[in-house]
Amino acid sequence: GLDKTTTTTITTTTTTTTTTTTTTTTTTTTTTTTTTTTTTTTTTTTTTTTTTTTTTTTTTTNTNKPS
């Protein structure tokens, strides 16, 4: 008899996005004989990372039919 072959392909895509925010605050104080000055500086950095993973699985099944 004829053989029957079945092929199944499954593709999975996963996307992960990660956002990181870093805030740095620096305070500087300067004193002279007459005045004191304080300066504050704030820096914010945002980083976004995107990762995409694709997985493909192929399964082939062969069914033998008797003659």
C-alpha atoms as a PDB file:
ATOM      1  CA  GLY A   1       0.000   0.000   0.000  1.00  0.00           C
ATOM      2  CA  LEU A   2       0.923   3.639  -0.104  1.00  0.00           C
ATOM      3  CA  ASP A   3       2.661   5.300   2.829  1.00  0.00           C
ATOM      4  CA  LYS A   4       1.150   8.435   4.307  1.00  0.00           C
ATOM      5  CA  THR A   5       3.551  11.132   5.472  1.00  0.00           C
ATOM      6  CA  THR A   6       2.330  13.999   7.665  1.00  0.00           C
ATOM      7  CA  THR A   7       4.563  16.994   8.369  1.00  0.00           C
ATOM      8  CA  THR A   8       3.652  19.463  11.108  1.00  0.00           C
ATOM      9  CA  THR A   9       5.573  22.711  11.567  1.00  0.00           C
ATOM     10  CA  ILE A  10       5.073  24.888  14.656  1.00  0.00           C
ATOM     11  CA  THR A  11       6.715  28.308  14.829  1.00  0.00           C
ATOM     12  CA  THR A  12       6.757  30.206  18.116  1.00  0.00           C
ATOM     13  CA  THR A  13       7.948  33.792  18.377  1.00  0.00           C
ATOM     14  CA  THR A  14       8.591  35.382  21.752  1.00  0.00           C
ATOM     15  CA  THR A  15       9.371  39.075  22.143  1.00  0.00           C
ATOM     16  CA  THR A  16      10.679  40.432  25.436  1.00  0.00           C
ATOM     17  CA  THR A  17      11.068  44.138  26.089  1.00  0.00           C
ATOM     18  CA  THR A  18      13.016  45.362  29.101  1.00  0.00           C
ATOM     19  CA  THR A  19      13.149  49.010  30.131  1.00  0.00           C
ATOM     20  CA  THR A  20      15.677  50.199  32.695  1.00  0.00           C
ATOM     21  CA  THR A  21      15.635  53.691  34.140  1.00  0.00           C
ATOM     22  CA  THR A  22      18.573  54.998  36.153  1.00  0.00           C
ATOM     23  CA  THR A  23      18.420  58.295  38.010  1.00  0.00           C
ATOM     24  CA  THR A  24      21.580  59.876  39.400  1.00  0.00           C
ATOM     25  CA  THR A  25      21.468  62.917  41.652  1.00  0.00           C
ATOM     26  CA  THR A  26      24.627  64.874  42.422  1.00  0.00           C
ATOM     27  CA  THR A  27      24.712  67.631  44.990  1.00  0.00           C
ATOM     28  CA  THR A  28      27.619  70.047  45.145  1.00  0.00           C
ATOM     29  CA  THR A  29      28.028  72.586  47.917  1.00  0.00           C
ATOM     30  CA  THR A  30      30.408  75.505  47.510  1.00  0.00           C
ATOM     31  CA  THR A  31      31.167  77.728  50.460  1.00  0.00           C
ATOM     32  CA  THR A  32      32.934  81.038  50.295  1.00  0.00           C
ATOM     33  CA  THR A  33      33.513  83.533  53.062  1.00  0.00           C
ATOM     34  CA  THR A  34      30.185  85.198  52.400  1.00  0.00           C
ATOM     35  CA  THR A  35      27.879  82.694  50.695  1.00  0.00           C
ATOM     36  CA  THR A  36      27.066  79.017  50.409  1.00  0.00           C
ATOM     37  CA  THR A  37      25.861  77.749  47.066  1.00  0.00           C
ATOM     38  CA  THR A  38      24.287  74.337  46.607  1.00  0.00           C
ATOM     39  CA  THR A  39      23.864  72.912  43.120  1.00  0.00           C
ATOM     40  CA  THR A  40      21.842  69.764  42.463  1.00  0.00           C
ATOM     41  CA  THR A  41      22.103  67.952  39.151  1.00  0.00           C
ATOM     42  CA  THR A  42      19.775  65.088  38.248  1.00  0.00           C
ATOM     43  CA  THR A  43      20.497  62.823  35.303  1.00  0.00           C
ATOM     44  CA  THR A  44      17.988  60.234  34.094  1.00  0.00           C
ATOM     45  CA  THR A  45      18.992  57.524  31.645  1.00  0.00           C
ATOM     46  CA  THR A  46      16.451  55.165  30.094  1.00  0.00           C
ATOM     47  CA  THR A  47      17.553  52.043  28.234  1.00  0.00           C
ATOM     48  CA  THR A  48      15.153  49.811  26.318  1.00  0.00           C
ATOM     49  CA  THR A  49      16.204  46.372  25.131  1.00  0.00           C
ATOM     50  CA  THR A  50      14.052  44.195  22.873  1.00  0.00           C
ATOM     51  CA  THR A  51      14.851  40.521  22.343  1.00  0.00           C
ATOM     52  CA  THR A  52      13.015  38.351  19.819  1.00  0.00           C
ATOM     53  CA  THR A  53      13.363  34.569  19.869  1.00  0.00           C
ATOM     54  CA  THR A  54      11.909  32.370  17.137  1.00  0.00           C
ATOM     55  CA  THR A  55      11.670  28.604  17.592  1.00  0.00           C
ATOM     56  CA  THR A  56      10.591  26.289  14.774  1.00  0.00           C
ATOM     57  CA  THR A  57       9.706  22.653  15.441  1.00  0.00           C
ATOM     58  CA  THR A  58       9.048  20.292  12.532  1.00  0.00           C
ATOM     59  CA  THR A  59       7.601  16.827  13.125  1.00  0.00           C
ATOM     60  CA  THR A  60       7.279  14.264  10.345  1.00  0.00           C
ATOM     61  CA  THR A  61       5.077  11.214  10.893  1.00  0.00           C
ATOM     62  CA  ASN A  62       5.167   8.301   8.452  1.00  0.00           C
ATOM     63  CA  THR A  63       2.232   5.901   8.566  1.00  0.00           C
ATOM     64  CA  ASN A  64       2.761   2.619   6.733  1.00  0.00           C
ATOM     65  CA  LYS A  65      -0.355   1.143   5.198  1.00  0.00           C
ATOM     66  CA  PRO A  66      -0.352  -2.594   4.735  1.00  0.00           C
ATOM     67  CA  SER A  67      -0.117  -3.889   1.179  1.00  0.00           C
END
